Structures are given as C-alpha cells and as structure tokens.
Amino acid sequence: MVRLLAAAGTLLFTVWAMATVLAPPPLMSGSEFFPLAMHNSWTHLVTFSSGDYLYYMTETVIKDNMPLLDRKSYVVAEEYEPLTTTAPQAKSTVAYFRKDGFLHRYPWLDSDDGNQVWDTKLGQGTEQVLPSPYRGNTSWHIGLQTNAWPINGGQNMTSSAKAWIDPEEVHVPAGVFRNCLRVETTTASAFADPKKIFIGYQLLHVEWYAPGVGLVRAISSEGEGTPIKSLTELLWYNVEK
C-alpha cells in the first residue's frame, strides 16, 4: 500500500512538472510597452472638462543618459499646445528608468529650451508606471509626496495599480491597436491648504499601452460611472524599432 501511494505521488508530481514546463507563457510576456530611445516622440490629443481645455501634447525623449537615483534615465520633455482660448500653454519635464521589473517615472525635473535639465527636488519618490518587461497580470502600490503645491501646504498621494492584456481593440486617430497593456490606477490624494486643512479626493486613471508603441489611450474619472475628466488619444508617433 505504501509503495502504491508513493508511486501515485511520483506520477502526480511528474504530471504537474510536465504541465508547468509545457504551459504557454502569458500573452505578450517579455514585451515592452513604452519604448524609450533618443528622439522617440508621441503626439496625443488631450481633452479636459468636456472640451473646455483642449491640447496637443507632444512628448519627446531629449536625453538617454541622465544619472538619477543610481540609474541612467531617459528624460522626456512634455509640451502642451493649447487648442482653445481657455487652455493655458504648459510644459513639463520628467524622467523614466527601469528598476525591479517596473518602468519608473520621476516627475520632479525642469528644463530650459537648451535642454538643460535639473532636479527641482520639489518632491520625493517615483511612480511605477507599468511592468517592464511585462511578465503577466501584475498589481502594485505607488506612493509620492510633494511640497510643491499648494504653497505652504503639501500633498500626499497613495495609489494602487494593476495591469493585464486587454483583449479588446483600441481605436484612436493613430490607428487600431491590439493586445494593449491595460493599466488601471486608483489614486487617493490629500492636500493641505495654508491653514493645514486637509482635503481629499479619488481618481481612477485607465491607460492602454500598445506593444512597441507606447501610450495610445487614457481616461481619467472619479470612478466607474462618473463623468470623464480627461481623455487622451494618440495622433502620431515616431518610435525607433
């Protein structure tokens, strides 16, 4: 009887081992969904507040070797071209680097027209944007702190995110994209005004990244069933293959 049980156990282990070895990897496993290289560029149409604020947002990789947090990072200049009279012109500078299986975003930079880039040190922490490379369904937590706004106040943001391959096609002006990485981020923010009174809000941000292309669509709201606060759609891109 003992020998029979042992033989059965060995057989079950062998079957499990073979199934594990032969099982196909997750769809798009190992893919990169945010290709970063010098001069890569993306232009999105960004709509805020049901069209009151309308922008062309162009992101361009301007540096690929900035030392940041013991990592070589890619610096991306973000320019917002207003398309309505109510939309102010804006720009920002951020950095991306890969660490511990994620693409990290460092938002505390600034730059001038000559591409001089510096760290403003107005905040702490990085945002884990997405798994890099993708290895299967993933969940993670994000934490950022900044004293940049409001003046004499502060802001704390706590976010949780999850990512998986979306079976639905994504249709945007730049084309139709399949097997996009869908990233859903839920953010709870609290900020203090100069009187140290804390006010909180929540935000749901859903993004779709196409393999080898980057961000193709994003929607922000206060949660499922609430009005859309912003919509971002890819118009054009130039990505080094």
Protein backbone atom coordinates (compact mmCIF):
# COMPACT_ATOMS: atom_id res chain seq x y z
CA MET A 1 0.00 0.00 0.00
CA VAL A 2 2.82 2.38 0.91
CA ARG A 3 4.58 1.64 -2.37
CA LEU A 4 1.32 2.24 -4.26
CA LEU A 5 0.84 5.66 -2.63
CA ALA A 6 4.45 6.58 -3.29
CA ALA A 7 4.11 5.59 -6.95
CA ALA A 8 0.90 7.59 -7.27
CA GLY A 9 2.57 10.62 -5.67
CA THR A 10 5.50 10.36 -8.05
CA LEU A 11 3.14 10.17 -11.03
CA LEU A 12 1.17 13.23 -9.92
CA PHE A 13 4.37 15.22 -9.40
CA THR A 14 5.61 14.22 -12.85
CA VAL A 15 2.33 15.28 -14.48
CA TRP A 16 2.41 18.64 -12.63
CA ALA A 17 6.03 19.23 -13.60
CA MET A 18 5.36 18.48 -17.27
CA ALA A 19 2.30 20.74 -17.28
CA THR A 20 4.35 23.55 -15.75
CA VAL A 21 7.14 23.18 -18.29
CA LEU A 22 4.80 22.89 -21.28
CA ALA A 23 2.35 25.61 -20.21
CA PRO A 24 2.46 28.59 -22.60
CA PRO A 25 3.81 31.87 -21.20
CA PRO A 26 1.35 34.71 -20.56
CA LEU A 27 0.23 36.59 -23.67
CA MET A 28 2.83 39.22 -24.69
CA SER A 29 5.21 38.04 -21.97
CA GLY A 30 8.52 39.89 -22.20
CA SER A 31 7.07 42.70 -24.32
CA GLU A 32 7.97 46.34 -23.78
CA PHE A 33 5.01 48.70 -23.90
CA PHE A 34 6.85 52.02 -23.54
CA PRO A 35 9.82 52.07 -25.94
CA LEU A 36 12.36 54.68 -24.88
CA ALA A 37 15.16 55.84 -27.16
CA MET A 38 16.62 59.20 -28.15
CA HIS A 39 14.25 61.31 -30.26
CA ASN A 40 11.29 58.95 -29.87
CA SER A 41 8.20 61.13 -29.97
CA TRP A 42 4.45 60.86 -29.44
CA THR A 43 1.68 63.41 -30.02
CA HIS A 44 -1.65 62.98 -28.24
CA LEU A 45 -4.90 64.91 -28.32
CA VAL A 46 -5.84 65.66 -24.71
CA THR A 47 -9.33 66.82 -23.78
CA PHE A 48 -10.14 68.18 -20.31
CA SER A 49 -13.51 69.20 -18.84
CA SER A 50 -15.63 68.08 -21.82
CA GLY A 51 -13.64 70.18 -24.29
CA ASP A 52 -13.14 73.42 -22.37
CA TYR A 53 -9.41 72.64 -22.33
CA LEU A 54 -8.04 71.02 -25.47
CA TYR A 55 -4.37 70.33 -26.15
CA TYR A 56 -1.88 68.71 -28.44
CA MET A 57 0.54 67.04 -26.04
CA THR A 58 3.90 66.14 -27.58
CA GLU A 59 6.39 64.03 -25.65
CA THR A 60 9.97 63.73 -26.90
CA VAL A 61 12.94 61.85 -25.47
CA ILE A 62 15.66 64.52 -25.16
CA LYS A 63 18.26 62.65 -23.07
CA ASP A 64 19.04 58.99 -22.60
CA ASN A 65 21.85 59.08 -20.04
CA MET A 66 20.88 61.33 -17.13
CA PRO A 67 22.15 59.90 -13.81
CA LEU A 68 19.21 59.74 -11.42
CA LEU A 69 18.78 57.67 -8.25
CA ASP A 70 21.76 55.50 -9.22
CA ARG A 71 20.19 54.78 -12.61
CA LYS A 72 20.69 56.02 -16.15
CA SER A 73 17.36 57.56 -17.06
CA TYR A 74 15.55 58.80 -20.16
CA VAL A 75 14.42 62.42 -19.98
CA VAL A 76 11.15 63.27 -21.72
CA ALA A 77 10.04 66.82 -22.49
CA GLU A 78 6.27 67.27 -22.47
CA GLU A 79 4.81 70.25 -24.34
CA TYR A 80 1.11 71.17 -24.29
CA GLU A 81 -0.10 73.24 -27.25
CA PRO A 82 -3.47 74.82 -26.39
CA LEU A 83 -6.26 74.48 -28.96
CA THR A 84 -8.85 76.56 -27.13
CA THR A 85 -8.63 80.12 -25.81
CA THR A 86 -9.38 78.93 -22.27
CA ALA A 87 -6.46 76.45 -22.22
CA PRO A 88 -3.16 77.88 -20.94
CA GLN A 89 0.13 76.83 -22.52
CA ALA A 90 2.14 74.42 -20.41
CA LYS A 91 5.20 72.18 -20.38
CA SER A 92 6.88 69.75 -18.05
CA THR A 93 9.95 67.52 -17.87
CA VAL A 94 10.04 64.00 -16.47
CA ALA A 95 12.44 61.08 -16.40
CA TYR A 96 11.94 57.34 -16.81
CA PHE A 97 14.14 54.44 -15.74
CA ARG A 98 13.73 50.70 -15.28
CA LYS A 99 14.20 49.05 -11.90
CA ASP A 100 12.99 45.86 -10.21
CA GLY A 101 10.72 44.86 -13.09
CA PHE A 102 8.97 48.22 -13.49
CA LEU A 103 9.27 51.38 -15.52
CA HIS A 104 9.57 54.25 -13.04
CA ARG A 105 8.59 57.87 -13.66
CA TYR A 106 10.38 60.68 -11.83
CA PRO A 107 8.27 63.87 -12.13
CA TRP A 108 10.40 66.39 -10.21
CA LEU A 109 12.50 67.79 -13.09
CA ASP A 110 12.61 71.04 -15.01
CA SER A 111 14.41 72.14 -18.18
CA ASP A 112 15.02 75.12 -20.46
CA ASP A 113 14.88 75.50 -24.22
CA GLY A 114 18.51 74.46 -24.48
CA ASN A 115 17.65 71.06 -22.96
CA GLN A 116 19.48 71.85 -19.74
CA VAL A 117 17.80 69.59 -17.20
CA TRP A 118 17.87 69.80 -13.42
CA ASP A 119 16.20 68.23 -10.40
CA THR A 120 13.83 70.68 -8.66
CA LYS A 121 13.70 68.47 -5.53
CA LEU A 122 10.08 69.57 -5.06
CA GLY A 123 9.00 66.07 -4.19
CA GLN A 124 10.04 62.56 -3.25
CA GLY A 125 9.55 59.15 -4.76
CA THR A 126 8.85 57.75 -8.19
CA GLU A 127 5.74 56.39 -9.85
CA GLN A 128 5.82 52.79 -11.06
CA VAL A 129 4.15 53.31 -14.41
CA LEU A 130 3.94 49.75 -15.71
CA PRO A 131 5.68 46.36 -15.59
CA SER A 132 8.83 46.36 -17.71
CA PRO A 133 9.10 43.88 -19.26
CA TYR A 134 5.58 42.51 -18.88
CA ARG A 135 5.51 39.01 -17.33
CA GLY A 136 1.81 38.51 -16.66
CA ASN A 137 -1.02 40.11 -14.67
CA THR A 138 0.51 42.39 -12.05
CA SER A 139 -0.63 44.55 -9.10
CA TRP A 140 1.43 47.10 -7.18
CA HIS A 141 1.33 50.18 -4.94
CA ILE A 142 2.61 53.69 -5.64
CA GLY A 143 3.50 56.48 -3.21
CA LEU A 144 4.50 60.09 -3.96
CA GLN A 145 4.95 63.11 -1.74
CA THR A 146 5.32 66.73 -2.80
CA ASN A 147 5.55 70.14 -1.17
CA ALA A 148 5.25 71.97 -4.49
CA TRP A 149 1.55 72.73 -4.25
CA PRO A 150 -0.31 74.31 -2.64
CA ILE A 151 2.02 76.98 -1.26
CA ASN A 152 2.83 76.41 2.41
CA GLY A 153 0.85 73.21 2.25
CA GLY A 154 1.63 69.78 0.92
CA GLN A 155 0.16 66.83 -0.86
CA ASN A 156 0.23 63.09 -0.25
CA MET A 157 -0.79 60.60 -2.92
CA THR A 158 -1.33 56.89 -2.40
CA SER A 159 -2.09 54.77 -5.44
CA SER A 160 -2.69 51.15 -6.27
CA ALA A 161 -2.42 49.81 -9.81
CA LYS A 162 -2.99 46.66 -11.79
CA ALA A 163 -2.07 45.67 -15.34
CA TRP A 164 -3.19 42.99 -17.79
CA ILE A 165 -3.50 42.42 -21.55
CA ASP A 166 -6.81 43.79 -22.81
CA PRO A 167 -8.45 41.51 -25.42
CA GLU A 168 -10.40 44.45 -26.89
CA GLU A 169 -9.03 46.50 -29.78
CA VAL A 170 -8.19 50.14 -29.06
CA HIS A 171 -9.29 52.59 -31.77
CA VAL A 172 -7.59 56.02 -31.81
CA PRO A 173 -6.72 58.50 -34.60
CA ALA A 174 -3.25 56.94 -34.96
CA GLY A 175 -4.75 53.55 -35.80
CA VAL A 176 -6.14 50.34 -34.34
CA PHE A 177 -4.02 48.61 -31.71
CA ARG A 178 -4.34 45.07 -30.36
CA ASN A 179 -3.03 43.25 -27.29
CA CYS A 180 -2.59 46.51 -25.42
CA LEU A 181 -1.43 46.53 -21.82
CA ARG A 182 -4.27 47.98 -19.76
CA VAL A 183 -3.14 49.76 -16.59
CA GLU A 184 -5.74 50.86 -14.04
CA THR A 185 -4.56 53.17 -11.28
CA THR A 186 -6.71 54.27 -8.35
CA THR A 187 -5.30 57.28 -6.51
CA ALA A 188 -6.35 58.71 -3.15
CA SER A 189 -4.92 62.19 -2.63
CA ALA A 190 -4.96 64.53 0.34
CA PHE A 191 -3.57 68.05 0.31
CA ALA A 192 -3.27 70.69 2.98
CA ASP A 193 -4.04 74.34 2.35
CA PRO A 194 -2.01 77.09 4.08
CA LYS A 195 -4.23 76.69 7.14
CA LYS A 196 -3.27 72.98 7.30
CA ILE A 197 -6.80 71.88 6.50
CA PHE A 198 -6.68 68.58 4.61
CA ILE A 199 -8.94 67.95 1.63
CA GLY A 200 -9.11 64.59 -0.12
CA TYR A 201 -10.28 63.18 -3.45
CA GLN A 202 -10.04 59.98 -5.51
CA LEU A 203 -9.15 59.47 -9.15
CA LEU A 204 -9.38 56.46 -11.49
CA HIS A 205 -6.90 56.53 -14.37
CA VAL A 206 -7.09 53.87 -17.12
CA GLU A 207 -4.32 53.65 -19.74
CA TRP A 208 -3.71 51.44 -22.78
CA TYR A 209 -0.14 50.87 -23.98
CA ALA A 210 0.45 49.20 -27.36
CA PRO A 211 3.45 46.86 -27.66
CA GLY A 212 6.39 48.63 -29.26
CA VAL A 213 4.44 51.89 -29.50
CA GLY A 214 3.61 53.33 -26.07
CA LEU A 215 0.56 55.07 -24.67
CA VAL A 216 -2.34 55.08 -27.15
CA ARG A 217 -5.31 55.98 -24.94
CA ALA A 218 -6.05 57.16 -21.39
CA ILE A 219 -9.19 58.07 -19.48
CA SER A 220 -9.45 59.77 -16.09
CA SER A 221 -12.53 59.95 -13.90
CA GLU A 222 -13.53 59.82 -10.26
CA GLY A 223 -14.54 56.17 -10.65
CA GLU A 224 -16.67 53.88 -12.79
CA GLY A 225 -19.94 55.50 -13.80
CA THR A 226 -18.69 59.08 -13.23
CA PRO A 227 -18.12 61.72 -15.94
CA ILE A 228 -14.80 61.62 -17.80
CA LYS A 229 -12.41 64.29 -16.53
CA SER A 230 -9.80 63.85 -19.26
CA LEU A 231 -9.36 61.83 -22.45
CA THR A 232 -6.01 61.25 -24.16
CA GLU A 233 -5.70 59.67 -27.62
CA LEU A 234 -2.63 59.06 -29.78
CA LEU A 235 -2.50 61.07 -33.01
CA TRP A 236 1.02 60.38 -34.26
CA TYR A 237 4.24 58.68 -33.13
CA ASN A 238 7.82 58.19 -34.24
CA VAL A 239 9.41 55.25 -32.42
CA GLU A 240 12.76 53.65 -33.13
CA LYS A 241 12.26 49.98 -33.95
